[in-house]
């Protein structure tokens, strides 16, 4: 059974960039959506961006133009390029994958901290 592993989080100054990646450890079949969510302290988990098998993407309105979701190489399920980071982007970022069979997978999360 597949498991998701995120990488690329860390500490960055406001205005900086980070790139998150998510890989699968094990096999996951029939993926029809892959995306990123985040959860800041004291807040609910929220959608950052999702990419569907048909090619469509959805971004949180507040992140359009700064974040880009992609699958940049076959070894990664999904990546997230984050530019012009703000302190309010500080959160734990989670990779999420859903399959046509109704299965859903979550990564363990990676911390992103943006200092002012």
Protein backbone atom coordinates (compact mmCIF):
# COMPACT_ATOMS: atom_id res chain seq x y z
CA UNK A 1 0.00 0.00 0.00
CA UNK A 2 1.24 3.45 -0.85
CA UNK A 3 2.44 6.07 1.56
CA UNK A 4 3.13 9.73 0.87
CA UNK A 5 6.38 11.43 1.84
CA UNK A 6 6.76 15.20 1.67
CA UNK A 7 10.01 17.12 1.50
CA UNK A 8 11.19 20.68 0.99
CA UNK A 9 9.77 22.52 3.98
CA UNK A 10 11.84 24.80 6.16
CA UNK A 11 12.43 28.32 7.38
CA UNK A 12 12.49 31.20 4.92
CA UNK A 13 12.31 34.97 5.15
CA UNK A 14 9.29 36.87 3.90
CA UNK A 15 9.52 37.32 0.14
CA UNK A 16 11.47 34.11 -0.30
CA UNK A 17 10.59 30.88 -2.07
CA UNK A 18 10.31 27.21 -1.24
CA UNK A 19 9.48 24.15 -3.28
CA UNK A 20 7.66 21.23 -1.73
CA UNK A 21 7.68 17.76 -3.22
CA UNK A 22 5.60 14.67 -2.52
CA UNK A 23 6.64 11.16 -3.45
CA UNK A 24 4.95 7.83 -2.97
CA UNK A 25 6.54 5.04 -1.02
CA UNK A 26 4.81 2.03 -2.49
CA UNK A 27 2.22 1.79 -5.23
CA UNK A 28 -0.89 3.91 -5.56
CA UNK A 29 -3.17 3.06 -8.46
CA UNK A 30 -5.83 5.06 -10.20
CA UNK A 31 -4.86 8.53 -8.99
CA UNK A 32 -7.38 11.09 -10.18
CA UNK A 33 -6.44 14.06 -7.98
CA UNK A 34 -3.28 15.19 -6.22
CA UNK A 35 -2.87 18.29 -4.16
CA UNK A 36 -1.66 20.22 -1.16
CA UNK A 37 -3.39 21.37 1.99
CA UNK A 38 -2.08 23.35 4.92
CA UNK A 39 -2.91 23.82 8.57
CA UNK A 40 -1.77 26.79 10.59
CA UNK A 41 -1.75 26.72 14.41
CA UNK A 42 -5.27 27.06 15.78
CA UNK A 43 -6.86 26.89 12.33
CA UNK A 44 -8.57 24.25 10.25
CA UNK A 45 -6.81 22.47 7.46
CA UNK A 46 -7.42 24.28 4.17
CA UNK A 47 -6.94 23.60 0.50
CA UNK A 48 -3.85 25.12 -1.10
CA UNK A 49 -4.10 23.64 -4.59
CA UNK A 50 -5.29 20.52 -6.36
CA UNK A 51 -4.45 19.07 -9.76
CA UNK A 52 -6.85 16.61 -11.40
CA UNK A 53 -6.11 13.86 -13.87
CA UNK A 54 -7.93 15.75 -16.62
CA UNK A 55 -5.47 18.60 -16.23
CA UNK A 56 -7.58 21.12 -14.37
CA UNK A 57 -6.20 22.85 -11.29
CA UNK A 58 -7.78 24.73 -8.44
CA UNK A 59 -6.04 27.15 -6.11
CA UNK A 60 -7.13 28.88 -2.96
CA UNK A 61 -8.09 32.38 -4.06
CA UNK A 62 -5.60 34.02 -1.73
CA UNK A 63 -2.70 32.05 -3.21
CA UNK A 64 -3.27 32.51 -6.92
CA UNK A 65 -0.25 33.98 -8.63
CA UNK A 66 2.18 33.05 -5.85
CA UNK A 67 1.87 29.26 -5.66
CA UNK A 68 2.09 26.78 -8.54
CA UNK A 69 1.18 23.11 -8.39
CA UNK A 70 2.79 20.71 -10.85
CA UNK A 71 4.14 17.28 -11.45
CA UNK A 72 7.68 18.18 -12.42
CA UNK A 73 9.18 14.72 -12.72
CA UNK A 74 8.02 11.10 -12.74
CA UNK A 75 9.56 10.44 -9.32
CA UNK A 76 7.29 12.93 -7.63
CA UNK A 77 3.55 12.68 -7.37
CA UNK A 78 3.14 16.42 -7.04
CA UNK A 79 5.16 19.54 -6.28
CA UNK A 80 4.30 22.98 -5.00
CA UNK A 81 6.36 26.02 -5.89
CA UNK A 82 5.76 28.80 -3.38
CA UNK A 83 6.98 32.32 -4.20
CA UNK A 84 6.70 35.67 -2.43
CA UNK A 85 6.07 33.89 0.83
CA UNK A 86 4.39 35.78 3.66
CA UNK A 87 4.39 35.13 7.40
CA UNK A 88 0.73 34.12 7.12
CA UNK A 89 1.81 31.22 4.89
CA UNK A 90 3.39 29.61 7.95
CA UNK A 91 1.75 26.21 8.41
CA UNK A 92 2.21 22.49 8.16
CA UNK A 93 1.75 21.54 4.52
CA UNK A 94 0.24 18.16 3.64
CA UNK A 95 0.29 16.22 0.42
CA UNK A 96 -3.01 14.57 -0.53
CA UNK A 97 -3.86 12.01 -3.19
CA UNK A 98 -7.24 10.60 -4.13
CA UNK A 99 -7.96 7.64 -6.38
CA UNK A 100 -10.82 6.63 -8.65
CA UNK A 101 -11.45 3.76 -6.25
CA UNK A 102 -12.35 6.08 -3.40
CA UNK A 103 -9.07 5.83 -1.52
CA UNK A 104 -7.41 8.90 -0.03
CA UNK A 105 -3.85 9.26 1.17
CA UNK A 106 -2.18 11.92 3.31
CA UNK A 107 1.45 12.63 3.97
CA UNK A 108 2.84 13.26 7.42
CA UNK A 109 3.19 16.97 6.75
CA UNK A 110 6.13 19.30 6.35
CA UNK A 111 6.60 22.52 8.30
CA UNK A 112 6.92 25.80 6.44
CA UNK A 113 7.87 28.81 8.55
CA UNK A 114 8.07 32.30 7.07
CA UNK A 115 9.79 34.92 9.21
CA UNK A 116 9.02 38.61 8.92
